C-alpha atoms as a PDB file:
ATOM      1  CA  MET A   1      26.907 -62.778 -49.925  1.00  0.00           C
ATOM      2  CA  SER A   2      24.844 -65.220 -51.961  1.00  0.00           C
ATOM      3  CA  VAL A   3      23.757 -64.821 -55.576  1.00  0.00           C
ATOM      4  CA  SER A   4      20.125 -65.173 -54.439  1.00  0.00           C
ATOM      5  CA  ALA A   5      20.602 -62.180 -52.148  1.00  0.00           C
ATOM      6  CA  VAL A   6      21.936 -60.173 -55.082  1.00  0.00           C
ATOM      7  CA  VAL A   7      18.993 -61.148 -57.252  1.00  0.00           C
ATOM      8  CA  SER A   8      16.501 -60.215 -54.531  1.00  0.00           C
ATOM      9  CA  ALA A   9      18.215 -56.840 -54.165  1.00  0.00           C
ATOM     10  CA  ARG A  10      17.202 -55.966 -57.731  1.00  0.00           C
ATOM     11  CA  THR A  11      13.563 -55.905 -56.684  1.00  0.00           C
ATOM     12  CA  ILE A  12      13.892 -53.414 -53.829  1.00  0.00           C
ATOM     13  CA  SER A  13      12.281 -50.045 -54.320  1.00  0.00           C
ATOM     14  CA  GLU A  14      14.442 -47.032 -55.043  1.00  0.00           C
ATOM     15  CA  GLN A  15      15.681 -45.376 -51.865  1.00  0.00           C
ATOM     16  CA  PRO A  16      16.293 -41.615 -51.666  1.00  0.00           C
ATOM     17  CA  GLY A  17      19.876 -40.679 -52.429  1.00  0.00           C
ATOM     18  CA  ARG A  18      22.250 -39.441 -55.090  1.00  0.00           C
ATOM     19  CA  ARG A  19      22.902 -41.185 -58.387  1.00  0.00           C
ATOM     20  CA  GLY A  20      26.354 -42.032 -59.725  1.00  0.00           C
ATOM     21  CA  VAL A  21      27.504 -43.232 -56.299  1.00  0.00           C
ATOM     22  CA  ARG A  22      31.115 -44.370 -56.105  1.00  0.00           C
ATOM     23  CA  VAL A  23      31.865 -46.865 -53.343  1.00  0.00           C
ATOM     24  CA  LEU A  24      35.354 -47.583 -52.020  1.00  0.00           C
ATOM     25  CA  LEU A  25      35.654 -51.045 -50.461  1.00  0.00           C
ATOM     26  CA  LEU A  26      38.608 -51.804 -48.177  1.00  0.00           C
ATOM     27  CA  ASP A  27      38.707 -55.516 -47.370  1.00  0.00           C
ATOM     28  CA  ASP A  28      41.426 -58.135 -47.721  1.00  0.00           C
ATOM     29  CA  GLU A  29      39.123 -60.937 -48.972  1.00  0.00           C
ATOM     30  CA  GLU A  30      38.596 -61.416 -52.725  1.00  0.00           C
ATOM     31  CA  ILE A  31      35.173 -63.010 -52.212  1.00  0.00           C
ATOM     32  CA  VAL A  32      33.982 -59.842 -50.466  1.00  0.00           C
ATOM     33  CA  HIS A  33      35.221 -57.721 -53.380  1.00  0.00           C
ATOM     34  CA  TRP A  34      33.412 -59.999 -55.825  1.00  0.00           C
ATOM     35  CA  GLY A  35      30.199 -59.937 -53.819  1.00  0.00           C
ATOM     36  CA  PHE A  36      30.004 -56.159 -53.522  1.00  0.00           C
ATOM     37  CA  ARG A  37      30.948 -55.614 -57.167  1.00  0.00           C
ATOM     38  CA  LEU A  38      28.119 -57.914 -58.190  1.00  0.00           C
ATOM     39  CA  LEU A  39      25.681 -56.367 -55.744  1.00  0.00           C
ATOM     40  CA  LEU A  40      26.427 -52.762 -56.689  1.00  0.00           C
ATOM     41  CA  GLY A  41      26.736 -53.567 -60.389  1.00  0.00           C
ATOM     42  CA  ASN A  42      23.004 -54.274 -60.471  1.00  0.00           C
ATOM     43  CA  GLN A  43      22.025 -50.904 -58.992  1.00  0.00           C
ATOM     44  CA  PRO A  44      21.178 -48.051 -61.384  1.00  0.00           C
ATOM     45  CA  TRP A  45      22.330 -45.486 -58.845  1.00  0.00           C
ATOM     46  CA  ALA A  46      25.810 -47.001 -58.322  1.00  0.00           C
ATOM     47  CA  GLU A  47      28.561 -45.790 -60.654  1.00  0.00           C
ATOM     48  CA  ARG A  48      31.355 -48.122 -59.557  1.00  0.00           C
ATOM     49  CA  CYS A  49      32.815 -50.233 -56.760  1.00  0.00           C
ATOM     50  CA  LEU A  50      36.491 -49.561 -56.004  1.00  0.00           C
ATOM     51  CA  PRO A  51      38.052 -52.571 -54.211  1.00  0.00           C
ATOM     52  CA  ALA A  52      41.255 -52.247 -52.187  1.00  0.00           C
ATOM     53  CA  ARG A  53      43.128 -54.796 -50.072  1.00  0.00           C
ATOM     54  CA  ASP A  54      45.074 -52.386 -47.849  1.00  0.00           C
ATOM     55  CA  ALA A  55      45.000 -48.843 -46.543  1.00  0.00           C
ATOM     56  CA  ASP A  56      47.548 -47.386 -48.964  1.00  0.00           C
ATOM     57  CA  SER A  57      45.731 -48.782 -51.998  1.00  0.00           C
ATOM     58  CA  ALA A  58      42.439 -47.447 -50.643  1.00  0.00           C
ATOM     59  CA  LEU A  59      43.871 -43.962 -50.208  1.00  0.00           C
ATOM     60  CA  GLU A  60      45.274 -44.018 -53.764  1.00  0.00           C
ATOM     61  CA  LEU A  61      41.844 -44.967 -55.124  1.00  0.00           C
ATOM     62  CA  ALA A  62      40.205 -42.253 -53.030  1.00  0.00           C
ATOM     63  CA  GLN A  63      42.606 -39.669 -54.477  1.00  0.00           C
ATOM     64  CA  ARG A  64      41.806 -40.774 -58.004  1.00  0.00           C
ATOM     65  CA  PHE A  65      38.065 -41.405 -57.882  1.00  0.00           C
ATOM     66  CA  GLN A  66      36.744 -39.296 -54.970  1.00  0.00           C
ATOM     67  CA  PRO A  67      34.258 -41.875 -53.613  1.00  0.00           C
ATOM     68  CA  HIS A  68      31.023 -40.908 -51.898  1.00  0.00           C
ATOM     69  CA  VAL A  69      31.096 -43.894 -49.519  1.00  0.00           C
ATOM     70  CA  ALA A  70      33.897 -46.040 -48.094  1.00  0.00           C
ATOM     71  CA  LEU A  71      33.213 -49.478 -46.619  1.00  0.00           C
ATOM     72  CA  VAL A  72      36.128 -50.217 -44.288  1.00  0.00           C
ATOM     73  CA  ASP A  73      36.968 -53.529 -42.639  1.00  0.00           C
ATOM     74  CA  THR A  74      39.126 -52.364 -39.746  1.00  0.00           C
ATOM     75  CA  GLY A  75      40.752 -55.800 -39.624  1.00  0.00           C
ATOM     76  CA  ALA A  76      42.378 -55.039 -42.982  1.00  0.00           C
ATOM     77  CA  LEU A  77      44.047 -51.869 -41.666  1.00  0.00           C
ATOM     78  CA  ASP A  78      47.667 -51.581 -40.570  1.00  0.00           C
ATOM     79  CA  ARG A  79      46.841 -48.466 -38.537  1.00  0.00           C
ATOM     80  CA  GLU A  80      44.161 -47.244 -36.146  1.00  0.00           C
ATOM     81  CA  PRO A  81      40.762 -46.755 -37.840  1.00  0.00           C
ATOM     82  CA  ALA A  82      40.590 -43.132 -36.713  1.00  0.00           C
ATOM     83  CA  VAL A  83      44.000 -42.434 -38.297  1.00  0.00           C
ATOM     84  CA  PHE A  84      42.890 -43.972 -41.587  1.00  0.00           C
ATOM     85  CA  CYS A  85      39.569 -42.110 -41.590  1.00  0.00           C
ATOM     86  CA  ARG A  86      41.307 -38.783 -41.002  1.00  0.00           C
ATOM     87  CA  ALA A  87      43.696 -39.467 -43.901  1.00  0.00           C
ATOM     88  CA  LEU A  88      40.778 -40.454 -46.127  1.00  0.00           C
ATOM     89  CA  THR A  89      38.728 -37.348 -45.388  1.00  0.00           C
ATOM     90  CA  ARG A  90      41.757 -35.138 -45.986  1.00  0.00           C
ATOM     91  CA  ILE A  91      41.972 -36.635 -49.465  1.00  0.00           C
ATOM     92  CA  CYS A  92      38.236 -36.572 -50.105  1.00  0.00           C
ATOM     93  CA  ALA A  93      36.081 -34.578 -47.705  1.00  0.00           C
ATOM     94  CA  ARG A  94      32.876 -35.874 -49.286  1.00  0.00           C
ATOM     95  CA  THR A  95      33.571 -39.512 -48.367  1.00  0.00           C
ATOM     96  CA  ASN A  96      31.400 -40.984 -45.624  1.00  0.00           C
ATOM     97  CA  VAL A  97      32.840 -44.068 -43.943  1.00  0.00           C
ATOM     98  CA  LEU A  98      30.878 -47.165 -42.950  1.00  0.00           C
ATOM     99  CA  LEU A  99      32.655 -49.768 -40.820  1.00  0.00           C
ATOM    100  CA  LEU A 100      32.306 -53.244 -42.357  1.00  0.00           C
ATOM    101  CA  THR A 101      31.935 -55.779 -39.567  1.00  0.00           C
ATOM    102  CA  HIS A 102      30.822 -59.306 -38.731  1.00  0.00           C
ATOM    103  CA  ALA A 103      28.805 -58.024 -35.789  1.00  0.00           C
ATOM    104  CA  ASP A 104      25.071 -57.302 -35.986  1.00  0.00           C
ATOM    105  CA  ALA A 105      25.475 -54.300 -33.691  1.00  0.00           C
ATOM    106  CA  VAL A 106      28.227 -51.758 -33.131  1.00  0.00           C
ATOM    107  CA  ALA A 107      28.142 -49.310 -30.245  1.00  0.00           C
ATOM    108  CA  PRO A 108      27.750 -45.659 -31.363  1.00  0.00           C
ATOM    109  CA  SER A 109      30.836 -44.753 -29.320  1.00  0.00           C
ATOM    110  CA  THR A 110      32.916 -47.173 -31.417  1.00  0.00           C
ATOM    111  CA  VAL A 111      31.597 -45.673 -34.649  1.00  0.00           C
ATOM    112  CA  ARG A 112      32.361 -42.145 -33.456  1.00  0.00           C
ATOM    113  CA  ALA A 113      35.829 -43.047 -32.182  1.00  0.00           C
ATOM    114  CA  SER A 114      36.663 -44.510 -35.584  1.00  0.00           C
ATOM    115  CA  GLY A 115      35.607 -41.365 -37.395  1.00  0.00           C
ATOM    116  CA  ALA A 116      32.902 -43.237 -39.295  1.00  0.00           C
ATOM    117  CA  THR A 117      29.344 -42.276 -40.221  1.00  0.00           C
ATOM    118  CA  GLY A 118      27.924 -45.678 -39.342  1.00  0.00           C
ATOM    119  CA  PHE A 119      28.431 -49.391 -39.924  1.00  0.00           C
ATOM    120  CA  VAL A 120      27.203 -52.300 -42.022  1.00  0.00           C
ATOM    121  CA  SER A 121      27.268 -55.975 -41.104  1.00  0.00           C
ATOM    122  CA  ARG A 122      28.323 -58.780 -43.399  1.00  0.00           C
ATOM    123  CA  GLY A 123      25.321 -60.660 -42.058  1.00  0.00           C
ATOM    124  CA  TRP A 124      22.755 -58.114 -43.281  1.00  0.00           C
ATOM    125  CA  ALA A 125      20.468 -58.883 -46.202  1.00  0.00           C
ATOM    126  CA  ALA A 126      21.352 -57.256 -49.524  1.00  0.00           C
ATOM    127  CA  PRO A 127      18.526 -54.652 -49.388  1.00  0.00           C
ATOM    128  CA  ASP A 128      19.709 -53.500 -45.958  1.00  0.00           C
ATOM    129  CA  LEU A 129      23.300 -53.160 -47.183  1.00  0.00           C
ATOM    130  CA  LEU A 130      22.172 -51.160 -50.178  1.00  0.00           C
ATOM    131  CA  GLN A 131      19.983 -48.876 -48.092  1.00  0.00           C
ATOM    132  CA  ALA A 132      22.864 -48.171 -45.711  1.00  0.00           C
ATOM    133  CA  ILE A 133      25.192 -47.322 -48.614  1.00  0.00           C
ATOM    134  CA  ARG A 134      22.612 -45.018 -50.199  1.00  0.00           C
ATOM    135  CA  ARG A 135      21.994 -43.264 -46.892  1.00  0.00           C
ATOM    136  CA  ALA A 136      25.727 -42.799 -46.363  1.00  0.00           C
ATOM    137  CA  SER A 137      26.082 -41.342 -49.870  1.00  0.00           C
ATOM    138  CA  VAL A 138      23.999 -38.350 -48.731  1.00  0.00           C
ATOM    139  CA  GLY A 139      25.578 -38.128 -45.280  1.00  0.00           C
ATOM    140  CA  LEU A 140      23.007 -40.080 -43.278  1.00  0.00           C
ATOM    141  CA  ALA A 141      23.952 -42.729 -40.731  1.00  0.00           C
ATOM    142  CA  SER A 142      22.919 -46.324 -41.334  1.00  0.00           C
ATOM    143  CA  GLN A 143      19.857 -47.379 -39.406  1.00  0.00           C
ATOM    144  CA  PRO A 144      20.892 -49.216 -36.232  1.00  0.00           C
ATOM    145  CA  CYS A 145      20.588 -52.971 -36.474  1.00  0.00           C
ATOM    146  CA  ARG A 146      19.878 -54.376 -33.026  1.00  0.00           C
ATOM    147  CA  PRO A 147      20.633 -57.859 -31.782  1.00  0.00           C
ATOM    148  CA  PRO A 148      17.863 -60.421 -32.368  1.00  0.00           C
ATOM    149  CA  ALA A 149      14.844 -59.995 -30.093  1.00  0.00           C
ATOM    150  CA  ARG A 150      15.517 -63.320 -28.398  1.00  0.00           C
ATOM    151  CA  SER A 151      18.906 -62.072 -27.218  1.00  0.00           C
ATOM    152  CA  ASN A 152      19.179 -60.256 -23.895  1.00  0.00           C
ATOM    153  CA  LEU A 153      22.717 -59.120 -24.695  1.00  0.00           C
ATOM    154  CA  SER A 154      23.425 -55.430 -25.007  1.00  0.00           C
ATOM    155  CA  ALA A 155      24.758 -54.072 -28.282  1.00  0.00           C
ATOM    156  CA  ARG A 156      28.245 -53.840 -26.755  1.00  0.00           C
ATOM    157  CA  GLN A 157      28.104 -57.406 -25.400  1.00  0.00           C
ATOM    158  CA  HIS A 158      26.924 -58.670 -28.772  1.00  0.00           C
ATOM    159  CA  GLU A 159      29.824 -56.846 -30.441  1.00  0.00           C
ATOM    160  CA  ILE A 160      32.343 -58.351 -28.007  1.00  0.00           C
ATOM    161  CA  LEU A 161      30.828 -61.792 -28.465  1.00  0.00           C
ATOM    162  CA  GLN A 162      31.347 -61.595 -32.236  1.00  0.00           C
ATOM    163  CA  LEU A 163      34.973 -60.551 -31.738  1.00  0.00           C
ATOM    164  CA  ILE A 164      35.486 -63.473 -29.362  1.00  0.00           C
ATOM    165  CA  ALA A 165      34.054 -65.764 -32.045  1.00  0.00           C
ATOM    166  CA  ASP A 166      36.549 -64.244 -34.504  1.00  0.00           C
ATOM    167  CA  GLY A 167      39.368 -65.308 -32.159  1.00  0.00           C
ATOM    168  CA  ALA A 168      40.247 -61.939 -30.620  1.00  0.00           C
ATOM    169  CA  THR A 169      41.790 -61.855 -27.160  1.00  0.00           C
ATOM    170  CA  ASN A 170      40.560 -59.475 -24.448  1.00  0.00           C
ATOM    171  CA  GLY A 171      43.556 -57.239 -25.146  1.00  0.00           C
ATOM    172  CA  GLU A 172      42.796 -57.137 -28.865  1.00  0.00           C
ATOM    173  CA  ILE A 173      39.116 -56.432 -28.172  1.00  0.00           C
ATOM    174  CA  ALA A 174      40.087 -53.574 -25.861  1.00  0.00           C
ATOM    175  CA  LEU A 175      42.250 -52.001 -28.576  1.00  0.00           C
ATOM    176  CA  ARG A 176      39.625 -52.492 -31.280  1.00  0.00           C
ATOM    177  CA  LEU A 177      36.767 -50.999 -29.246  1.00  0.00           C
ATOM    178  CA  TYR A 178      38.780 -48.342 -27.358  1.00  0.00           C
ATOM    179  CA  LEU A 179      37.961 -49.934 -23.997  1.00  0.00           C
ATOM    180  CA  SER A 180      40.049 -50.886 -20.982  1.00  0.00           C
ATOM    181  CA  ARG A 181      40.814 -54.561 -20.421  1.00  0.00           C
ATOM    182  CA  ASP A 182      38.848 -54.445 -17.176  1.00  0.00           C
ATOM    183  CA  THR A 183      35.779 -53.159 -19.015  1.00  0.00           C
ATOM    184  CA  VAL A 184      36.094 -55.912 -21.611  1.00  0.00           C
ATOM    185  CA  LYS A 185      36.430 -58.477 -18.824  1.00  0.00           C
ATOM    186  CA  GLN A 186      33.268 -57.159 -17.154  1.00  0.00           C
ATOM    187  CA  HIS A 187      31.289 -57.359 -20.420  1.00  0.00           C
ATOM    188  CA  THR A 188      32.650 -60.850 -21.073  1.00  0.00           C
ATOM    189  CA  SER A 189      31.613 -62.078 -17.623  1.00  0.00           C
ATOM    190  CA  ALA A 190      28.147 -60.570 -18.101  1.00  0.00           C
ATOM    191  CA  LEU A 191      27.573 -62.220 -21.470  1.00  0.00           C
ATOM    192  CA  TYR A 192      28.748 -65.579 -20.044  1.00  0.00           C
ATOM    193  CA  ARG A 193      26.062 -65.278 -17.361  1.00  0.00           C
ATOM    194  CA  LYS A 194      23.367 -64.342 -19.866  1.00  0.00           C
ATOM    195  CA  LEU A 195      24.279 -67.230 -22.153  1.00  0.00           C
ATOM    196  CA  GLY A 196      24.808 -69.695 -19.320  1.00  0.00           C
ATOM    197  CA  ALA A 197      28.298 -70.333 -20.665  1.00  0.00           C
ATOM    198  CA  ARG A 198      31.326 -71.678 -18.805  1.00  0.00           C
ATOM    199  CA  ASN A 199      34.042 -70.153 -20.978  1.00  0.00           C
ATOM    200  CA  ARG A 200      34.774 -68.472 -24.332  1.00  0.00           C
ATOM    201  CA  THR A 201      34.386 -71.632 -26.397  1.00  0.00           C
ATOM    202  CA  HIS A 202      31.108 -72.549 -24.721  1.00  0.00           C
ATOM    203  CA  ALA A 203      29.805 -68.992 -25.170  1.00  0.00           C
ATOM    204  CA  VAL A 204      30.541 -69.042 -28.912  1.00  0.00           C
ATOM    205  CA  GLN A 205      28.972 -72.480 -29.340  1.00  0.00           C
ATOM    206  CA  THR A 206      25.850 -71.405 -27.452  1.00  0.00           C
ATOM    207  CA  ALA A 207      25.559 -68.136 -29.382  1.00  0.00           C
ATOM    208  CA  ARG A 208      25.865 -69.907 -32.723  1.00  0.00           C
ATOM    209  CA  ARG A 209      23.181 -72.438 -31.781  1.00  0.00           C
ATOM    210  CA  GLN A 210      20.888 -69.526 -30.911  1.00  0.00           C
ATOM    211  CA  GLY A 211      21.716 -67.690 -34.136  1.00  0.00           C
ATOM    212  CA  LEU A 212      23.173 -64.701 -32.300  1.00  0.00           C
ATOM    213  CA  ILE A 213      26.409 -64.522 -34.274  1.00  0.00           C
ATOM    214  CA  ALA A 214      27.622 -65.445 -37.729  1.00  0.00           C
ATOM    215  CA  VAL A 215      28.828 -69.017 -38.228  1.00  0.00           C
END
């Protein structure tokens, strides 16, 4: 998240939502903590950003501060997302969870299976991230962000493509998205055809050249 994006976020108009919003951030990267602290620190409606590196720390912060929104990178969890979300809502029923992902699109079934309200992408512009957080603070789902218009991939195929780019195997993708390996294989074959790719490496290279996934 660039400083210029943070600066531009200051100029966005006020979106409906509560004031004094507390945001729990579960991610294992310090740069992500820094970026969200800076971004939220410039918003008059945000009370504080609560960074955590692991699930146990996040639950301790939730117990203490009762956050309105939790941004959760499922890759930083040592348990299934649905298990974590259930534990979080037992501690703080008001907390609405947004999955924090590299993908530009996440299938609604994945969001529901995780027990989340919606998702946000690391690739979104600062105003879009802020709007999603404000919407979640009053119990509204984030607006769906669809793949770029020039892409003929479905939302699920785009999601799988991003996970492939992140180095996930078909088995890992199946576990992450609550799919069978055969279903993942079918989606993978379909996105290869749409991209004109020979294999995983070629698919990722082609997608990056077309701007379909994060570099």
